């Protein structure tokens, strides 16, 4: 994105004021169209990536931590996707530990209940 901004700045500040003449107006229009297309493409890609992240966060809010976030946008959103994947991995590990603790607790409750029944019989 920074190279596009630099090129746009150069065109607007230095090049366009010197070439806007009656003969070169089509060149200016063509450059404007190309830059607009590049900007639109970048914004569309970014909006699509943000929408994907939003869907993942909505799934996590509903309890679905088994998903992963795959992005290849070439922007800072890729770093965010990596962080989201790390968070999802940690959530999955925590969920597994909680399930293990729950199973162990159930086993201990059953053991204690059995022991109490034996003591009452005596």
PDB file of N, CA and C in Angstrom:
ATOM      1  N   UNK A   1       0.818  -1.181   0.000  1.00  0.00           N
ATOM      2  CA  UNK A   1       0.000   0.000   0.000  1.00  0.00           C
ATOM      3  C   UNK A   1       0.867   1.252   0.000  1.00  0.00           C
ATOM      4  N   UNK A   2       1.963   1.213   0.723  1.00  0.00           N
ATOM      5  CA  UNK A   2       2.841   2.387   0.794  1.00  0.00           C
ATOM      6  C   UNK A   2       3.405   2.746  -0.574  1.00  0.00           C
ATOM      7  N   UNK A   3       3.835   1.772  -1.407  1.00  0.00           N
ATOM      8  CA  UNK A   3       4.301   2.158  -2.744  1.00  0.00           C
ATOM      9  C   UNK A   3       3.216   2.844  -3.578  1.00  0.00           C
ATOM     10  N   UNK A   4       1.979   2.375  -3.457  1.00  0.00           N
ATOM     11  CA  UNK A   4       0.889   3.004  -4.211  1.00  0.00           C
ATOM     12  C   UNK A   4       0.694   4.438  -3.751  1.00  0.00           C
ATOM     13  N   UNK A   5       0.751   4.643  -2.425  1.00  0.00           N
ATOM     14  CA  UNK A   5       0.607   6.003  -1.904  1.00  0.00           C
ATOM     15  C   UNK A   5       1.753   6.903  -2.365  1.00  0.00           C
ATOM     16  N   UNK A   6       2.964   6.379  -2.385  1.00  0.00           N
ATOM     17  CA  UNK A   6       4.119   7.169  -2.836  1.00  0.00           C
ATOM     18  C   UNK A   6       3.980   7.544  -4.311  1.00  0.00           C
ATOM     19  N   UNK A   7       3.574   6.587  -5.125  1.00  0.00           N
ATOM     20  CA  UNK A   7       3.399   6.866  -6.555  1.00  0.00           C
ATOM     21  C   UNK A   7       2.292   7.888  -6.752  1.00  0.00           C
ATOM     22  N   UNK A   8       1.199   7.734  -6.009  1.00  0.00           N
ATOM     23  CA  UNK A   8       0.099   8.688  -6.129  1.00  0.00           C
ATOM     24  C   UNK A   8       0.541  10.085  -5.725  1.00  0.00           C
ATOM     25  N   UNK A   9       1.280  10.172  -4.635  1.00  0.00           N
ATOM     26  CA  UNK A   9       1.765  11.473  -4.177  1.00  0.00           C
ATOM     27  C   UNK A   9       2.666  12.107  -5.240  1.00  0.00           C
ATOM     28  N   UNK A  10       3.578  11.319  -5.785  1.00  0.00           N
ATOM     29  CA  UNK A  10       4.482  11.829  -6.823  1.00  0.00           C
ATOM     30  C   UNK A  10       3.691  12.322  -8.031  1.00  0.00           C
ATOM     31  N   UNK A  11       2.706  11.543  -8.452  1.00  0.00           N
ATOM     32  CA  UNK A  11       1.901  11.940  -9.608  1.00  0.00           C
ATOM     33  C   UNK A  11       1.144  13.236  -9.353  1.00  0.00           C
ATOM     34  N   UNK A  12       0.517  13.314  -8.185  1.00  0.00           N
ATOM     35  CA  UNK A  12      -0.305  14.489  -7.899  1.00  0.00           C
ATOM     36  C   UNK A  12       0.530  15.741  -7.695  1.00  0.00           C
ATOM     37  N   UNK A  13       1.640  15.623  -7.000  1.00  0.00           N
ATOM     38  CA  UNK A  13       2.412  16.814  -6.648  1.00  0.00           C
ATOM     39  C   UNK A  13       3.364  17.253  -7.759  1.00  0.00           C
ATOM     40  N   UNK A  14       4.041  16.333  -8.397  1.00  0.00           N
ATOM     41  CA  UNK A  14       5.091  16.713  -9.345  1.00  0.00           C
ATOM     42  C   UNK A  14       4.710  16.531 -10.816  1.00  0.00           C
ATOM     43  N   UNK A  15       4.148  15.397 -11.127  1.00  0.00           N
ATOM     44  CA  UNK A  15       3.970  15.055 -12.533  1.00  0.00           C
ATOM     45  C   UNK A  15       2.709  15.662 -13.151  1.00  0.00           C
ATOM     46  N   UNK A  16       1.578  15.502 -12.493  1.00  0.00           N
ATOM     47  CA  UNK A  16       0.318  15.944 -13.083  1.00  0.00           C
ATOM     48  C   UNK A  16       0.280  17.455 -13.354  1.00  0.00           C
ATOM     49  N   UNK A  17       0.724  18.306 -12.432  1.00  0.00           N
ATOM     50  CA  UNK A  17       0.678  19.739 -12.751  1.00  0.00           C
ATOM     51  C   UNK A  17       1.488  20.120 -13.990  1.00  0.00           C
ATOM     52  N   UNK A  18       2.530  19.362 -14.283  1.00  0.00           N
ATOM     53  CA  UNK A  18       3.369  19.671 -15.437  1.00  0.00           C
ATOM     54  C   UNK A  18       2.848  19.072 -16.740  1.00  0.00           C
ATOM     55  N   UNK A  19       2.009  18.043 -16.652  1.00  0.00           N
ATOM     56  CA  UNK A  19       1.580  17.397 -17.899  1.00  0.00           C
ATOM     57  C   UNK A  19       0.119  17.644 -18.243  1.00  0.00           C
ATOM     58  N   UNK A  20      -0.614  18.327 -17.359  1.00  0.00           N
ATOM     59  CA  UNK A  20      -2.021  18.584 -17.686  1.00  0.00           C
ATOM     60  C   UNK A  20      -2.079  19.697 -18.727  1.00  0.00           C
ATOM     61  N   UNK A  21      -2.149  19.246 -19.915  1.00  0.00           N
ATOM     62  CA  UNK A  21      -2.370  20.152 -21.043  1.00  0.00           C
ATOM     63  C   UNK A  21      -3.472  19.533 -21.873  1.00  0.00           C
ATOM     64  N   UNK A  22      -3.898  20.259 -22.859  1.00  0.00           N
ATOM     65  CA  UNK A  22      -4.986  19.751 -23.699  1.00  0.00           C
ATOM     66  C   UNK A  22      -4.580  18.445 -24.387  1.00  0.00           C
ATOM     67  N   UNK A  23      -3.323  18.328 -24.748  1.00  0.00           N
ATOM     68  CA  UNK A  23      -2.846  17.135 -25.457  1.00  0.00           C
ATOM     69  C   UNK A  23      -2.683  15.937 -24.520  1.00  0.00           C
ATOM     70  N   UNK A  24      -2.391  16.187 -23.249  1.00  0.00           N
ATOM     71  CA  UNK A  24      -2.078  15.093 -22.326  1.00  0.00           C
ATOM     72  C   UNK A  24      -3.223  14.724 -21.392  1.00  0.00           C
ATOM     73  N   UNK A  25      -4.370  15.306 -21.593  1.00  0.00           N
ATOM     74  CA  UNK A  25      -5.485  15.045 -20.685  1.00  0.00           C
ATOM     75  C   UNK A  25      -5.882  13.566 -20.679  1.00  0.00           C
ATOM     76  N   UNK A  26      -5.758  12.877 -21.814  1.00  0.00           N
ATOM     77  CA  UNK A  26      -6.099  11.451 -21.862  1.00  0.00           C
ATOM     78  C   UNK A  26      -5.112  10.612 -21.050  1.00  0.00           C
ATOM     79  N   UNK A  27      -3.847  11.018 -21.038  1.00  0.00           N
ATOM     80  CA  UNK A  27      -2.859  10.331 -20.213  1.00  0.00           C
ATOM     81  C   UNK A  27      -3.200  10.491 -18.734  1.00  0.00           C
ATOM     82  N   UNK A  28      -3.583  11.677 -18.343  1.00  0.00           N
ATOM     83  CA  UNK A  28      -3.961  11.926 -16.953  1.00  0.00           C
ATOM     84  C   UNK A  28      -5.188  11.102 -16.583  1.00  0.00           C
ATOM     85  N   UNK A  29      -6.159  11.048 -17.474  1.00  0.00           N
ATOM     86  CA  UNK A  29      -7.364  10.253 -17.207  1.00  0.00           C
ATOM     87  C   UNK A  29      -7.014   8.770 -17.104  1.00  0.00           C
ATOM     88  N   UNK A  30      -6.156   8.292 -17.990  1.00  0.00           N
ATOM     89  CA  UNK A  30      -5.748   6.887 -17.960  1.00  0.00           C
ATOM     90  C   UNK A  30      -5.029   6.564 -16.650  1.00  0.00           C
ATOM     91  N   UNK A  31      -4.114   7.442 -16.231  1.00  0.00           N
ATOM     92  CA  UNK A  31      -3.418   7.226 -14.960  1.00  0.00           C
ATOM     93  C   UNK A  31      -4.397   7.237 -13.792  1.00  0.00           C
ATOM     94  N   UNK A  32      -5.362   8.115 -13.834  1.00  0.00           N
ATOM     95  CA  UNK A  32      -6.368   8.186 -12.768  1.00  0.00           C
ATOM     96  C   UNK A  32      -7.175   6.896 -12.709  1.00  0.00           C
ATOM     97  N   UNK A  33      -7.546   6.377 -13.860  1.00  0.00           N
ATOM     98  CA  UNK A  33      -8.319   5.133 -13.906  1.00  0.00           C
ATOM     99  C   UNK A  33      -7.489   3.974 -13.356  1.00  0.00           C
ATOM    100  N   UNK A  34      -6.231   3.894 -13.761  1.00  0.00           N
ATOM    101  CA  UNK A  34      -5.367   2.802 -13.290  1.00  0.00           C
ATOM    102  C   UNK A  34      -5.183   2.883 -11.779  1.00  0.00           C
ATOM    103  N   UNK A  35      -4.906   4.076 -11.273  1.00  0.00           N
ATOM    104  CA  UNK A  35      -4.716   4.229  -9.829  1.00  0.00           C
ATOM    105  C   UNK A  35      -6.011   3.951  -9.066  1.00  0.00           C
ATOM    106  N   UNK A  36      -7.128   4.361  -9.622  1.00  0.00           N
ATOM    107  CA  UNK A  36      -8.417   4.070  -8.984  1.00  0.00           C
ATOM    108  C   UNK A  36      -8.671   2.571  -8.943  1.00  0.00           C
ATOM    109  N   UNK A  37      -8.348   1.883 -10.030  1.00  0.00           N
ATOM    110  CA  UNK A  37      -8.520   0.431 -10.078  1.00  0.00           C
ATOM    111  C   UNK A  37      -7.637  -0.254  -9.031  1.00  0.00           C
ATOM    112  N   UNK A  38      -6.375   0.184  -8.945  1.00  0.00           N
ATOM    113  CA  UNK A  38      -5.471  -0.405  -7.946  1.00  0.00           C
ATOM    114  C   UNK A  38      -5.986  -0.155  -6.534  1.00  0.00           C
ATOM    115  N   UNK A  39      -6.447   1.052  -6.283  1.00  0.00           N
ATOM    116  CA  UNK A  39      -6.993   1.373  -4.963  1.00  0.00           C
ATOM    117  C   UNK A  39      -8.222   0.550  -4.644  1.00  0.00           C
ATOM    118  N   UNK A  40      -9.121   0.408  -5.624  1.00  0.00           N
ATOM    119  CA  UNK A  40     -10.327  -0.380  -5.419  1.00  0.00           C
ATOM    120  C   UNK A  40      -9.976  -1.843  -5.147  1.00  0.00           C
ATOM    121  N   UNK A  41      -9.024  -2.377  -5.891  1.00  0.00           N
ATOM    122  CA  UNK A  41      -8.603  -3.769  -5.699  1.00  0.00           C
ATOM    123  C   UNK A  41      -8.061  -3.974  -4.296  1.00  0.00           C
ATOM    124  N   UNK A  42      -7.214  -3.052  -3.853  1.00  0.00           N
ATOM    125  CA  UNK A  42      -6.644  -3.150  -2.512  1.00  0.00           C
ATOM    126  C   UNK A  42      -7.737  -3.068  -1.448  1.00  0.00           C
ATOM    127  N   UNK A  43      -8.639  -2.121  -1.590  1.00  0.00           N
ATOM    128  CA  UNK A  43      -9.713  -1.962  -0.607  1.00  0.00           C
ATOM    129  C   UNK A  43     -10.643  -3.175  -0.592  1.00  0.00           C
ATOM    130  N   UNK A  44     -10.932  -3.735  -1.764  1.00  0.00           N
ATOM    131  CA  UNK A  44     -11.792  -4.916  -1.841  1.00  0.00           C
ATOM    132  C   UNK A  44     -11.131  -6.101  -1.126  1.00  0.00           C
ATOM    133  N   UNK A  45      -9.835  -6.285  -1.374  1.00  0.00           N
ATOM    134  CA  UNK A  45      -9.098  -7.376  -0.747  1.00  0.00           C
ATOM    135  C   UNK A  45      -9.086  -7.205   0.777  1.00  0.00           C
ATOM    136  N   UNK A  46      -8.866  -5.971   1.217  1.00  0.00           N
ATOM    137  CA  UNK A  46      -8.824  -5.692   2.649  1.00  0.00           C
ATOM    138  C   UNK A  46     -10.195  -5.902   3.288  1.00  0.00           C
ATOM    139  N   UNK A  47     -11.246  -5.425   2.638  1.00  0.00           N
ATOM    140  CA  UNK A  47     -12.597  -5.593   3.178  1.00  0.00           C
ATOM    141  C   UNK A  47     -12.966  -7.074   3.262  1.00  0.00           C
ATOM    142  N   UNK A  48     -12.554  -7.844   2.265  1.00  0.00           N
ATOM    143  CA  UNK A  48     -12.835  -9.280   2.265  1.00  0.00           C
ATOM    144  C   UNK A  48     -12.118  -9.971   3.430  1.00  0.00           C
ATOM    145  N   UNK A  49     -10.875  -9.580   3.674  1.00  0.00           N
ATOM    146  CA  UNK A  49     -10.111 -10.153   4.785  1.00  0.00           C
ATOM    147  C   UNK A  49     -10.729  -9.792   6.126  1.00  0.00           C
ATOM    148  N   UNK A  50     -11.165  -8.548   6.267  1.00  0.00           N
ATOM    149  CA  UNK A  50     -11.795  -8.119   7.515  1.00  0.00           C
ATOM    150  C   UNK A  50     -13.099  -8.870   7.730  1.00  0.00           C
ATOM    151  N   UNK A  51     -13.850  -9.089   6.674  1.00  0.00           N
ATOM    152  CA  UNK A  51     -15.095  -9.846   6.773  1.00  0.00           C
ATOM    153  C   UNK A  51     -14.819 -11.279   7.215  1.00  0.00           C
ATOM    154  N   UNK A  52     -13.754 -11.854   6.696  1.00  0.00           N
ATOM    155  CA  UNK A  52     -13.369 -13.210   7.084  1.00  0.00           C
ATOM    156  C   UNK A  52     -13.016 -13.269   8.577  1.00  0.00           C
ATOM    157  N   UNK A  53     -12.268 -12.258   9.045  1.00  0.00           N
ATOM    158  CA  UNK A  53     -11.929 -12.199  10.465  1.00  0.00           C
ATOM    159  C   UNK A  53     -13.186 -12.061  11.324  1.00  0.00           C
ATOM    160  N   UNK A  54     -14.127 -11.243  10.876  1.00  0.00           N
ATOM    161  CA  UNK A  54     -15.367 -11.052  11.618  1.00  0.00           C
ATOM    162  C   UNK A  54     -16.123 -12.372  11.751  1.00  0.00           C
ATOM    163  N   UNK A  55     -16.173 -13.157  10.671  1.00  0.00           N
ATOM    164  CA  UNK A  55     -16.861 -14.447  10.710  1.00  0.00           C
ATOM    165  C   UNK A  55     -16.184 -15.400  11.702  1.00  0.00           C
ATOM    166  N   UNK A  56     -14.864 -15.361  11.733  1.00  0.00           N
ATOM    167  CA  UNK A  56     -14.134 -16.223  12.658  1.00  0.00           C
ATOM    168  C   UNK A  56     -14.430 -15.818  14.096  1.00  0.00           C
ATOM    169  N   UNK A  57     -14.422 -14.513  14.370  1.00  0.00           N
ATOM    170  CA  UNK A  57     -14.708 -14.046  15.724  1.00  0.00           C
ATOM    171  C   UNK A  57     -16.140 -14.374  16.136  1.00  0.00           C
ATOM    172  N   UNK A  58     -17.078 -14.304  15.212  1.00  0.00           N
ATOM    173  CA  UNK A  58     -18.456 -14.680  15.523  1.00  0.00           C
ATOM    174  C   UNK A  58     -18.536 -16.166  15.862  1.00  0.00           C
ATOM    175  N   UNK A  59     -17.790 -16.990  15.125  1.00  0.00           N
ATOM    176  CA  UNK A  59     -17.766 -18.419  15.421  1.00  0.00           C
ATOM    177  C   UNK A  59     -17.164 -18.705  16.790  1.00  0.00           C
ATOM    178  N   UNK A  60     -16.098 -17.985  17.132  1.00  0.00           N
ATOM    179  CA  UNK A  60     -15.469 -18.166  18.439  1.00  0.00           C
ATOM    180  C   UNK A  60     -16.435 -17.737  19.541  1.00  0.00           C
ATOM    181  N   UNK A  61     -17.165 -16.656  19.316  1.00  0.00           N
ATOM    182  CA  UNK A  61     -18.145 -16.189  20.309  1.00  0.00           C
ATOM    183  C   UNK A  61     -19.220 -17.243  20.546  1.00  0.00           C
ATOM    184  N   UNK A  62     -19.508 -18.064  19.539  1.00  0.00           N
ATOM    185  CA  UNK A  62     -20.499 -19.136  19.671  1.00  0.00           C
ATOM    186  C   UNK A  62     -19.882 -20.420  20.234  1.00  0.00           C
ATOM    187  N   UNK A  63     -18.553 -20.409  20.438  1.00  0.00           N
ATOM    188  CA  UNK A  63     -17.897 -21.569  21.028  1.00  0.00           C
ATOM    189  C   UNK A  63     -17.126 -22.433  20.057  1.00  0.00           C
ATOM    190  N   UNK A  64     -17.071 -22.066  18.799  1.00  0.00           N
ATOM    191  CA  UNK A  64     -16.353 -22.858  17.794  1.00  0.00           C
ATOM    192  C   UNK A  64     -14.889 -22.426  17.757  1.00  0.00           C
ATOM    193  N   UNK A  65     -14.041 -23.181  18.444  1.00  0.00           N
ATOM    194  CA  UNK A  65     -12.612 -22.860  18.459  1.00  0.00           C
ATOM    195  C   UNK A  65     -11.811 -23.801  17.561  1.00  0.00           C
ATOM    196  N   UNK A  66     -12.499 -24.637  16.789  1.00  0.00           N
ATOM    197  CA  UNK A  66     -11.812 -25.596  15.934  1.00  0.00           C
ATOM    198  C   UNK A  66     -11.468 -25.032  14.560  1.00  0.00           C
ATOM    199  N   UNK A  67     -11.826 -23.798  14.301  1.00  0.00           N
ATOM    200  CA  UNK A  67     -11.549 -23.201  12.999  1.00  0.00           C
ATOM    201  C   UNK A  67     -10.149 -22.586  12.969  1.00  0.00           C
ATOM    202  N   UNK A  68      -9.678 -22.292  11.768  1.00  0.00           N
ATOM    203  CA  UNK A  68      -8.402 -21.596  11.602  1.00  0.00           C
ATOM    204  C   UNK A  68      -8.610 -20.426  10.650  1.00  0.00           C
ATOM    205  N   UNK A  69      -7.708 -19.496  10.726  1.00  0.00           N
ATOM    206  CA  UNK A  69      -7.805 -18.274   9.931  1.00  0.00           C
ATOM    207  C   UNK A  69      -6.700 -18.288   8.882  1.00  0.00           C
ATOM    208  N   UNK A  70      -7.055 -18.495   7.637  1.00  0.00           N
ATOM    209  CA  UNK A  70      -6.100 -18.516   6.533  1.00  0.00           C
ATOM    210  C   UNK A  70      -6.246 -17.244   5.712  1.00  0.00           C
ATOM    211  N   UNK A  71      -5.179 -16.468   5.634  1.00  0.00           N
ATOM    212  CA  UNK A  71      -5.213 -15.244   4.830  1.00  0.00           C
ATOM    213  C   UNK A  71      -3.903 -15.097   4.080  1.00  0.00           C
ATOM    214  N   UNK A  72      -4.025 -14.610   2.891  1.00  0.00           N
ATOM    215  CA  UNK A  72      -2.859 -14.326   2.062  1.00  0.00           C
ATOM    216  C   UNK A  72      -3.080 -12.989   1.367  1.00  0.00           C
ATOM    217  N   UNK A  73      -3.324 -11.971   2.180  1.00  0.00           N
ATOM    218  CA  UNK A  73      -3.654 -10.667   1.608  1.00  0.00           C
ATOM    219  C   UNK A  73      -2.418  -9.813   1.354  1.00  0.00           C
ATOM    220  N   UNK A  74      -1.296 -10.185   1.945  1.00  0.00           N
ATOM    221  CA  UNK A  74      -0.084  -9.399   1.753  1.00  0.00           C
ATOM    222  C   UNK A  74      -0.100  -8.098   2.541  1.00  0.00           C
ATOM    223  N   UNK A  75      -0.935  -8.037   3.568  1.00  0.00           N
ATOM    224  CA  UNK A  75      -1.016  -6.832   4.389  1.00  0.00           C
ATOM    225  C   UNK A  75      -0.788  -7.200   5.846  1.00  0.00           C
ATOM    226  N   UNK A  76      -0.972  -6.230   6.707  1.00  0.00           N
ATOM    227  CA  UNK A  76      -0.829  -6.455   8.137  1.00  0.00           C
ATOM    228  C   UNK A  76      -1.895  -7.416   8.657  1.00  0.00           C
ATOM    229  N   UNK A  77      -2.936  -7.604   7.891  1.00  0.00           N
ATOM    230  CA  UNK A  77      -3.990  -8.541   8.299  1.00  0.00           C
ATOM    231  C   UNK A  77      -3.466  -9.973   8.373  1.00  0.00           C
ATOM    232  N   UNK A  78      -2.417 -10.278   7.619  1.00  0.00           N
ATOM    233  CA  UNK A  78      -1.808 -11.607   7.719  1.00  0.00           C
ATOM    234  C   UNK A  78      -1.242 -11.832   9.117  1.00  0.00           C
ATOM    235  N   UNK A  79      -0.627 -10.794   9.683  1.00  0.00           N
ATOM    236  CA  UNK A  79      -0.096 -10.894  11.046  1.00  0.00           C
ATOM    237  C   UNK A  79      -1.223 -11.078  12.056  1.00  0.00           C
ATOM    238  N   UNK A  80      -2.320 -10.377  11.835  1.00  0.00           N
ATOM    239  CA  UNK A  80      -3.478 -10.524  12.718  1.00  0.00           C
ATOM    240  C   UNK A  80      -4.025 -11.948  12.617  1.00  0.00           C
ATOM    241  N   UNK A  81      -4.071 -12.492  11.409  1.00  0.00           N
ATOM    242  CA  UNK A  81      -4.560 -13.867  11.214  1.00  0.00           C
ATOM    243  C   UNK A  81      -3.674 -14.859  11.963  1.00  0.00           C
ATOM    244  N   UNK A  82      -2.377 -14.663  11.927  1.00  0.00           N
ATOM    245  CA  UNK A  82      -1.466 -15.542  12.671  1.00  0.00           C
ATOM    246  C   UNK A  82      -1.735 -15.459  14.169  1.00  0.00           C
ATOM    247  N   UNK A  83      -1.963 -14.247  14.657  1.00  0.00           N
ATOM    248  CA  UNK A  83      -2.270 -14.074  16.079  1.00  0.00           C
ATOM    249  C   UNK A  83      -3.588 -14.737  16.442  1.00  0.00           C
ATOM    250  N   UNK A  84      -4.578 -14.614  15.578  1.00  0.00           N
ATOM    251  CA  UNK A  84      -5.876 -15.249  15.816  1.00  0.00           C
ATOM    252  C   UNK A  84      -5.700 -16.766  15.858  1.00  0.00           C
ATOM    253  N   UNK A  85      -4.901 -17.311  14.960  1.00  0.00           N
ATOM    254  CA  UNK A  85      -4.655 -18.759  14.967  1.00  0.00           C
ATOM    255  C   UNK A  85      -3.980 -19.200  16.263  1.00  0.00           C
ATOM    256  N   UNK A  86      -3.046 -18.393  16.759  1.00  0.00           N
ATOM    257  CA  UNK A  86      -2.383 -18.718  18.022  1.00  0.00           C
ATOM    258  C   UNK A  86      -3.377 -18.688  19.182  1.00  0.00           C
ATOM    259  N   UNK A  87      -4.244 -17.681  19.187  1.00  0.00           N
ATOM    260  CA  UNK A  87      -5.272 -17.594  20.229  1.00  0.00           C
ATOM    261  C   UNK A  87      -6.212 -18.796  20.155  1.00  0.00           C
ATOM    262  N   UNK A  88      -6.624 -19.173  18.953  1.00  0.00           N
ATOM    263  CA  UNK A  88      -7.516 -20.327  18.793  1.00  0.00           C
ATOM    264  C   UNK A  88      -6.842 -21.611  19.271  1.00  0.00           C
ATOM    265  N   UNK A  89      -5.548 -21.744  18.984  1.00  0.00           N
ATOM    266  CA  UNK A  89      -4.812 -22.921  19.437  1.00  0.00           C
ATOM    267  C   UNK A  89      -4.779 -22.967  20.971  1.00  0.00           C
ATOM    268  N   UNK A  90      -4.517 -21.840  21.608  1.00  0.00           N
ATOM    269  CA  UNK A  90      -4.497 -21.787  23.074  1.00  0.00           C
ATOM    270  C   UNK A  90      -5.882 -22.092  23.651  1.00  0.00           C
ATOM    271  N   UNK A  91      -6.924 -21.601  23.007  1.00  0.00           N
ATOM    272  CA  UNK A  91      -8.282 -21.894  23.471  1.00  0.00           C
ATOM    273  C   UNK A  91      -8.597 -23.381  23.365  1.00  0.00           C
ATOM    274  N   UNK A  92      -8.159 -24.010  22.264  1.00  0.00           N
ATOM    275  CA  UNK A  92      -8.386 -25.451  22.104  1.00  0.00           C
ATOM    276  C   UNK A  92      -7.661 -26.228  23.203  1.00  0.00           C
ATOM    277  N   UNK A  93      -6.418 -25.834  23.501  1.00  0.00           N
ATOM    278  CA  UNK A  93      -5.659 -26.509  24.555  1.00  0.00           C
ATOM    279  C   UNK A  93      -6.339 -26.341  25.910  1.00  0.00           C
ATOM    280  N   UNK A  94      -6.820 -25.138  26.189  1.00  0.00           N
ATOM    281  CA  UNK A  94      -7.509 -24.894  27.463  1.00  0.00           C
ATOM    282  C   UNK A  94      -8.788 -25.712  27.551  1.00  0.00           C
ATOM    283  N   UNK A  95      -9.501 -25.796  26.448  1.00  0.00           N
ATOM    284  CA  UNK A  95     -10.735 -26.575  26.421  1.00  0.00           C
ATOM    285  C   UNK A  95     -10.443 -28.053  26.687  1.00  0.00           C
ATOM    286  N   UNK A  96      -9.370 -28.564  26.103  1.00  0.00           N
ATOM    287  CA  UNK A  96      -8.998 -29.965  26.327  1.00  0.00           C
ATOM    288  C   UNK A  96      -8.635 -30.204  27.789  1.00  0.00           C
ATOM    289  N   UNK A  97      -7.879 -29.251  28.386  1.00  0.00           N
ATOM    290  CA  UNK A  97      -7.514 -29.391  29.792  1.00  0.00           C
ATOM    291  C   UNK A  97      -8.752 -29.370  30.690  1.00  0.00           C
ATOM    292  N   UNK A  98      -9.689 -28.503  30.392  1.00  0.00           N
ATOM    293  CA  UNK A  98     -10.924 -28.462  31.177  1.00  0.00           C
ATOM    294  C   UNK A  98     -11.704 -29.766  31.069  1.00  0.00           C
ATOM    295  N   UNK A  99     -11.753 -30.346  29.887  1.00  0.00           N
ATOM    296  CA  UNK A  99     -12.442 -31.616  29.708  1.00  0.00           C
ATOM    297  C   UNK A  99     -11.753 -32.725  30.506  1.00  0.00           C
ATOM    298  N   UNK A 100     -10.410 -32.715  30.515  1.00  0.00           N
ATOM    299  CA  UNK A 100      -9.677 -33.709  31.293  1.00  0.00           C
ATOM    300  C   UNK A 100      -9.940 -33.544  32.791  1.00  0.00           C
ATOM    301  N   UNK A 101      -9.920 -32.293  33.254  1.00  0.00           N
ATOM    302  CA  UNK A 101     -10.200 -32.040  34.670  1.00  0.00           C
ATOM    303  C   UNK A 101     -11.614 -32.473  35.030  1.00  0.00           C
ATOM    304  N   UNK A 102     -12.543 -32.234  34.135  1.00  0.00           N
ATOM    305  CA  UNK A 102     -13.932 -32.621  34.373  1.00  0.00           C
ATOM    306  C   UNK A 102     -14.053 -34.137  34.495  1.00  0.00           C
ATOM    307  N   UNK A 103     -13.383 -34.864  33.612  1.00  0.00           N
ATOM    308  CA  UNK A 103     -13.412 -36.329  33.676  1.00  0.00           C
ATOM    309  C   UNK A 103     -12.787 -36.834  34.965  1.00  0.00           C
ATOM    310  N   UNK A 104     -11.658 -36.235  35.357  1.00  0.00           N
ATOM    311  CA  UNK A 104     -11.003 -36.643  36.602  1.00  0.00           C
ATOM    312  C   UNK A 104     -11.893 -36.361  37.807  1.00  0.00           C
ATOM    313  N   UNK A 105     -12.567 -35.220  37.782  1.00  0.00           N
ATOM    314  CA  UNK A 105     -13.455 -34.862  38.882  1.00  0.00           C
ATOM    315  C   UNK A 105     -14.619 -35.852  38.971  1.00  0.00           C
ATOM    316  N   UNK A 106     -15.179 -36.223  37.833  1.00  0.00           N
ATOM    317  CA  UNK A 106     -16.273 -37.191  37.835  1.00  0.00           C
ATOM    318  C   UNK A 106     -15.813 -38.526  38.399  1.00  0.00           C
ATOM    319  N   UNK A 107     -14.607 -38.962  38.044  1.00  0.00           N
ATOM    320  CA  UNK A 107     -14.072 -40.220  38.566  1.00  0.00           C
ATOM    321  C   UNK A 107     -13.907 -40.150  40.084  1.00  0.00           C
ATOM    322  N   UNK A 108     -13.393 -39.027  40.569  1.00  0.00           N
ATOM    323  CA  UNK A 108     -13.200 -38.883  42.018  1.00  0.00           C
ATOM    324  C   UNK A 108     -14.537 -38.839  42.746  1.00  0.00           C
ATOM    325  N   UNK A 109     -15.527 -38.193  42.162  1.00  0.00           N
ATOM    326  CA  UNK A 109     -16.854 -38.152  42.786  1.00  0.00           C
ATOM    327  C   UNK A 109     -17.422 -39.561  42.861  1.00  0.00           C
ATOM    328  N   UNK A 110     -17.270 -40.335  41.795  1.00  0.00           N
ATOM    329  CA  UNK A 110     -17.760 -41.721  41.806  1.00  0.00           C
ATOM    330  C   UNK A 110     -17.025 -42.545  42.867  1.00  0.00           C
ATOM    331  N   UNK A 111     -15.716 -42.367  42.980  1.00  0.00           N
ATOM    332  CA  UNK A 111     -14.942 -43.096  43.987  1.00  0.00           C
ATOM    333  C   UNK A 111     -15.416 -42.743  45.387  1.00  0.00           C
ATOM    334  N   UNK A 112     -15.574 -41.468  45.646  1.00  0.00           N
ATOM    335  CA  UNK A 112     -16.004 -41.015  46.972  1.00  0.00           C
ATOM    336  C   UNK A 112     -17.425 -41.497  47.283  1.00  0.00           C
ATOM    337  N   UNK A 113     -18.276 -41.465  46.272  1.00  0.00           N
ATOM    338  CA  UNK A 113     -19.649 -41.931  46.472  1.00  0.00           C
ATOM    339  C   UNK A 113     -19.653 -43.416  46.814  1.00  0.00           C
ATOM    340  N   UNK A 114     -18.828 -44.186  46.132  1.00  0.00           N
ATOM    341  CA  UNK A 114     -18.720 -45.621  46.402  1.00  0.00           C
ATOM    342  C   UNK A 114     -18.196 -45.852  47.816  1.00  0.00           C
ATOM    343  N   UNK A 115     -17.192 -45.081  48.213  1.00  0.00           N
ATOM    344  CA  UNK A 115     -16.629 -45.211  49.562  1.00  0.00           C
ATOM    345  C   UNK A 115     -17.684 -44.880  50.628  1.00  0.00           C
ATOM    346  N   UNK A 116     -18.454 -43.813  50.390  1.00  0.00           N
ATOM    347  CA  UNK A 116     -19.492 -43.429  51.346  1.00  0.00           C
ATOM    348  C   UNK A 116     -20.559 -44.509  51.463  1.00  0.00           C
ATOM    349  N   UNK A 117     -20.931 -45.119  50.350  1.00  0.00           N
ATOM    350  CA  UNK A 117     -21.919 -46.187  50.388  1.00  0.00           C
ATOM    351  C   UNK A 117     -21.397 -47.392  51.186  1.00  0.00           C
ATOM    352  N   UNK A 118     -20.129 -47.688  51.019  1.00  0.00           N
ATOM    353  CA  UNK A 118     -19.520 -48.807  51.753  1.00  0.00           C
ATOM    354  C   UNK A 118     -19.519 -48.503  53.240  1.00  0.00           C
ATOM    355  N   UNK A 119     -19.201 -47.270  53.646  1.00  0.00           N
ATOM    356  CA  UNK A 119     -19.154 -46.911  55.052  1.00  0.00           C
ATOM    357  C   UNK A 119     -20.561 -46.925  55.679  1.00  0.00           C
ATOM    358  N   UNK A 120     -21.569 -46.575  54.902  1.00  0.00           N
ATOM    359  CA  UNK A 120     -22.942 -46.590  55.411  1.00  0.00           C
ATOM    360  C   UNK A 120     -23.432 -48.010  55.620  1.00  0.00           C
ATOM    361  N   UNK A 121     -22.935 -48.930  54.796  1.00  0.00           N
ATOM    362  CA  UNK A 121     -23.362 -50.321  54.903  1.00  0.00           C
ATOM    363  C   UNK A 121     -22.774 -50.964  56.148  1.00  0.00           C
ATOM    364  N   UNK A 122     -21.671 -50.459  56.589  1.00  0.00           N
ATOM    365  CA  UNK A 122     -20.986 -51.075  57.725  1.00  0.00           C
ATOM    366  C   UNK A 122     -21.627 -50.741  59.017  1.00  0.00           C
TER     367      UNK A 122
END
